[in-house]
Amino acid sequence: MDNIKFSSILCSQICHDLAGSIGVIDNTLDLINPEDLTSFPKDDYHFVSKAAKQAIIQIKFIRTVFGNSSNSILFNEAFELSKLYLGLKKIQLFWNNDSVTKEIEAKLIMSILYGSKIILPYGGSIKILQKNSSDFEIKLKGEKVIYFENIIPLLNSKSSVDLGNSKFLPFMYAGLLSKEKKFNFNQSIAEDKITYIAYRN
C-alpha cells in the first residue's frame, strides 16, 4: 500500500472516531436558541462538557500514537493516555512497568490498544505484561471477544488493509512499527481471551 492510500485510510478512521463526540456538541448547540438563552441549561452543559472531554482524550491519544514524537515516550504518559482512551470503550487497562522506561515500545503497544475496540466490542480488560525490551504480551479478555484471522498477518507486516476496512488500520500501523523494531507476533486464543505475544528473534 502506498503512502497516499495509507494516509487516506488513517484520516478516514480518525474522523470516524471523533465524529461521535463532536457531533454531540454540535447537535446540542443546535437545540439551544441564543435569543431565549439567559443561562446555559445544566443538562445541555453536561452533554457538551462530557463530549468535549471525550474528544480531547481521543485527540491526545491518537496524536501520541500516530503523530511525530521523540523516540522515547514516558511510561506514565503512555499508560494514562491509554487508560483514559480505553475507558471510553469500557475497557480496563493493566500495564506493568518492570522494564526500563525508555525501552517501552509505546507507540507499537498503543496502536494495538487503539484497534482493540473491534476485538472487545462490549468492553472488557487488557493486561500488558512486559518482562524486558525483547518481548511482551497483550491479553484481551471480555464477555464477548471477536477473533479476526487477519490481525496476526497485519502485525507481522504480511498483509495490508483494504480501503473498505479502515478498522484494521491500527494493526497495520503496528505491523510497520514491529517490522522496524524487528518484532514478530504469535497469538493464543481461548473462549474469552486472546493473547498477542511479541518477541524478537
Protein backbone atom coordinates (compact mmCIF):
# COMPACT_ATOMS: atom_id res chain seq x y z
CA MET A 1 0.00 0.00 0.00
CA ASP A 2 1.37 3.40 -0.94
CA ASN A 3 1.60 6.38 1.40
CA ILE A 4 -1.37 8.21 -0.15
CA LYS A 5 -3.74 5.27 0.39
CA PHE A 6 -2.43 4.72 3.89
CA SER A 7 -2.95 8.40 4.74
CA SER A 8 -6.48 8.39 3.35
CA ILE A 9 -7.48 5.34 5.40
CA LEU A 10 -5.88 6.82 8.51
CA CYS A 11 -7.70 10.13 8.12
CA SER A 12 -10.98 8.30 7.49
CA GLN A 13 -10.62 6.22 10.67
CA ILE A 14 -9.63 9.18 12.86
CA CYS A 15 -12.51 11.32 11.57
CA HIS A 16 -14.91 8.44 12.15
CA ASP A 17 -13.74 8.04 15.74
CA LEU A 18 -14.01 11.76 16.53
CA ALA A 19 -17.32 12.34 14.75
CA GLY A 20 -19.40 10.96 17.62
CA SER A 21 -18.14 13.26 20.36
CA ILE A 22 -18.01 16.35 18.15
CA GLY A 23 -21.46 15.53 16.76
CA VAL A 24 -22.94 15.56 20.27
CA ILE A 25 -21.54 19.04 20.84
CA ASP A 26 -22.89 20.30 17.51
CA ASN A 27 -26.35 18.75 17.94
CA THR A 28 -26.73 20.07 21.48
CA LEU A 29 -25.78 23.60 20.49
CA ASP A 30 -28.23 23.44 17.57
CA LEU A 31 -31.07 22.84 20.04
CA ILE A 32 -30.25 25.98 22.01
CA ASN A 33 -31.89 29.22 20.91
CA PRO A 34 -29.46 32.06 21.68
CA GLU A 35 -32.31 34.60 21.78
CA ASP A 36 -34.08 32.74 24.60
CA LEU A 37 -30.92 31.83 26.45
CA THR A 38 -30.46 33.53 29.81
CA SER A 39 -28.27 30.79 31.24
CA PHE A 40 -26.82 27.58 29.87
CA PRO A 41 -29.18 24.65 30.75
CA LYS A 42 -27.48 22.21 33.11
CA ASP A 43 -28.37 19.12 31.07
CA ASP A 44 -27.09 20.69 27.87
CA TYR A 45 -23.93 21.83 29.62
CA HIS A 46 -23.37 18.28 30.88
CA PHE A 47 -23.68 16.79 27.37
CA VAL A 48 -21.39 19.38 25.79
CA SER A 49 -18.81 19.15 28.58
CA LYS A 50 -18.73 15.34 28.52
CA ALA A 51 -18.45 15.19 24.72
CA ALA A 52 -15.70 17.82 24.69
CA LYS A 53 -13.66 15.89 27.28
CA GLN A 54 -14.08 12.66 25.32
CA ALA A 55 -12.94 14.36 22.12
CA ILE A 56 -9.86 15.78 23.86
CA ILE A 57 -8.92 12.34 25.25
CA GLN A 58 -9.21 10.78 21.80
CA ILE A 59 -7.23 13.54 20.11
CA LYS A 60 -4.39 13.33 22.64
CA PHE A 61 -4.27 9.55 22.37
CA ILE A 62 -4.33 9.50 18.56
CA ARG A 63 -1.72 12.26 18.37
CA THR A 64 0.63 10.19 20.55
CA VAL A 65 0.08 7.03 18.51
CA PHE A 66 0.34 8.47 15.00
CA GLY A 67 1.96 11.86 15.45
CA ASN A 68 5.63 12.73 15.42
CA SER A 69 7.28 12.36 18.78
CA SER A 70 10.61 11.59 20.36
CA ASN A 71 11.96 8.05 20.30
CA SER A 72 11.06 7.56 23.95
CA ILE A 73 7.62 8.07 25.46
CA LEU A 74 7.43 8.10 29.23
CA PHE A 75 5.59 5.11 30.66
CA ASN A 76 3.30 7.23 32.82
CA GLU A 77 2.23 9.28 29.80
CA ALA A 78 1.56 6.20 27.67
CA PHE A 79 -0.33 4.46 30.48
CA GLU A 80 -2.53 7.42 31.46
CA LEU A 81 -3.48 8.29 27.88
CA SER A 82 -4.23 4.64 27.08
CA LYS A 83 -6.22 4.16 30.26
CA LEU A 84 -8.38 7.22 29.58
CA TYR A 85 -8.92 6.29 25.94
CA LEU A 86 -9.85 2.67 26.67
CA GLY A 87 -12.12 3.85 29.47
CA LEU A 88 -14.28 5.46 26.79
CA LYS A 89 -14.67 1.97 25.30
CA LYS A 90 -15.44 0.38 28.70
CA ILE A 91 -12.11 -1.43 28.69
CA GLN A 92 -9.91 -1.60 31.80
CA LEU A 93 -6.15 -1.44 31.34
CA PHE A 94 -3.47 -3.15 33.42
CA TRP A 95 0.11 -2.44 32.32
CA ASN A 96 3.19 -3.42 34.29
CA ASN A 97 6.32 -1.27 34.27
CA ASP A 98 9.00 -3.82 35.04
CA SER A 99 11.20 -2.86 32.10
CA VAL A 100 13.30 0.23 31.60
CA THR A 101 11.01 3.10 30.61
CA LYS A 102 12.98 4.20 27.56
CA GLU A 103 12.77 0.71 26.07
CA ILE A 104 8.99 0.50 26.15
CA GLU A 105 7.74 0.32 22.57
CA ALA A 106 4.87 2.62 23.50
CA LYS A 107 3.65 3.56 20.04
CA LEU A 108 3.57 -0.08 18.95
CA ILE A 109 1.63 -1.15 22.02
CA MET A 110 -0.71 1.86 21.90
CA SER A 111 -1.56 1.24 18.25
CA ILE A 112 -2.73 -2.27 19.18
CA LEU A 113 -4.75 -0.78 22.04
CA TYR A 114 -6.28 1.66 19.56
CA GLY A 115 -7.51 -1.25 17.47
CA SER A 116 -8.70 -3.32 20.44
CA LYS A 117 -12.22 -1.88 20.35
CA ILE A 118 -13.16 -4.19 17.47
CA ILE A 119 -11.95 -7.22 19.43
CA LEU A 120 -13.76 -6.21 22.64
CA PRO A 121 -16.91 -4.50 21.29
CA TYR A 122 -18.71 -4.66 24.65
CA GLY A 123 -15.73 -3.78 26.81
CA GLY A 124 -13.54 -5.94 28.98
CA SER A 125 -9.97 -5.76 30.16
CA ILE A 126 -6.49 -5.63 28.67
CA LYS A 127 -3.37 -6.71 30.51
CA ILE A 128 0.07 -5.85 29.16
CA LEU A 129 2.96 -7.85 30.54
CA GLN A 130 6.38 -6.58 29.52
CA LYS A 131 9.25 -8.56 31.01
CA ASN A 132 12.04 -6.89 29.05
CA SER A 133 12.75 -4.96 25.85
CA SER A 134 12.68 -8.11 23.73
CA ASP A 135 9.18 -9.44 24.35
CA PHE A 136 5.77 -8.55 25.73
CA GLU A 137 2.24 -9.92 25.86
CA ILE A 138 -1.10 -8.19 25.39
CA LYS A 139 -4.03 -10.14 26.83
CA LEU A 140 -7.53 -9.07 25.79
CA LYS A 141 -10.39 -10.52 27.81
CA GLY A 142 -14.10 -9.82 27.74
CA GLU A 143 -17.62 -11.22 27.81
CA LYS A 144 -17.54 -11.20 24.01
CA VAL A 145 -14.18 -11.50 22.24
CA ILE A 146 -14.14 -11.36 18.44
CA TYR A 147 -11.33 -13.14 16.61
CA PHE A 148 -10.05 -11.76 13.31
CA GLU A 149 -7.73 -14.05 11.39
CA ASN A 150 -6.06 -11.16 9.52
CA ILE A 151 -4.71 -9.35 12.60
CA ILE A 152 -1.60 -11.51 13.05
CA PRO A 153 -0.58 -11.16 9.37
CA LEU A 154 -1.03 -7.39 9.74
CA LEU A 155 1.06 -7.29 12.93
CA ASN A 156 3.76 -9.24 11.11
CA SER A 157 3.55 -6.99 8.01
CA LYS A 158 2.47 -9.94 5.86
CA SER A 159 -0.65 -8.20 4.50
CA SER A 160 -2.19 -4.75 4.11
CA VAL A 161 -5.55 -3.08 4.75
CA ASP A 162 -8.17 -2.73 2.03
CA LEU A 163 -9.70 0.71 1.58
CA GLY A 164 -13.02 -0.60 2.90
CA ASN A 165 -11.53 -1.98 6.13
CA SER A 166 -10.15 1.06 7.93
CA LYS A 167 -10.94 -0.55 11.30
CA PHE A 168 -7.85 -2.76 10.81
CA LEU A 169 -5.51 0.15 10.13
CA PRO A 170 -4.17 0.34 13.73
CA PHE A 171 -2.87 -3.24 13.35
CA MET A 172 -1.28 -2.45 10.01
CA TYR A 173 0.43 0.57 11.56
CA ALA A 174 1.56 -1.64 14.45
CA GLY A 175 2.96 -4.03 11.85
CA LEU A 176 5.04 -1.25 10.30
CA LEU A 177 6.42 -0.39 13.74
CA SER A 178 7.08 -4.03 14.65
CA LYS A 179 8.95 -4.53 11.37
CA GLU A 180 11.12 -1.51 12.12
CA LYS A 181 11.79 -2.73 15.67
CA LYS A 182 12.25 -6.37 14.48
CA PHE A 183 9.33 -7.79 16.45
CA ASN A 184 7.33 -10.87 15.46
CA PHE A 185 3.88 -11.81 16.74
CA ASN A 186 2.14 -15.03 17.70
CA GLN A 187 -1.24 -15.46 19.35
CA SER A 188 -3.02 -17.65 21.84
CA ILE A 189 -6.81 -17.98 21.61
CA ALA A 190 -9.24 -19.04 24.35
CA GLU A 191 -13.02 -18.76 24.65
CA ASP A 192 -12.97 -15.40 26.43
CA LYS A 193 -9.42 -14.24 25.77
CA ILE A 194 -6.92 -13.50 23.01
CA THR A 195 -3.25 -13.01 23.77
CA TYR A 196 -0.85 -11.39 21.33
CA ILE A 197 2.74 -12.38 22.01
CA ALA A 198 5.51 -10.15 20.66
CA TYR A 199 9.12 -11.31 20.57
CA ARG A 200 12.43 -10.54 18.91
CA ASN A 201 14.43 -13.31 17.23
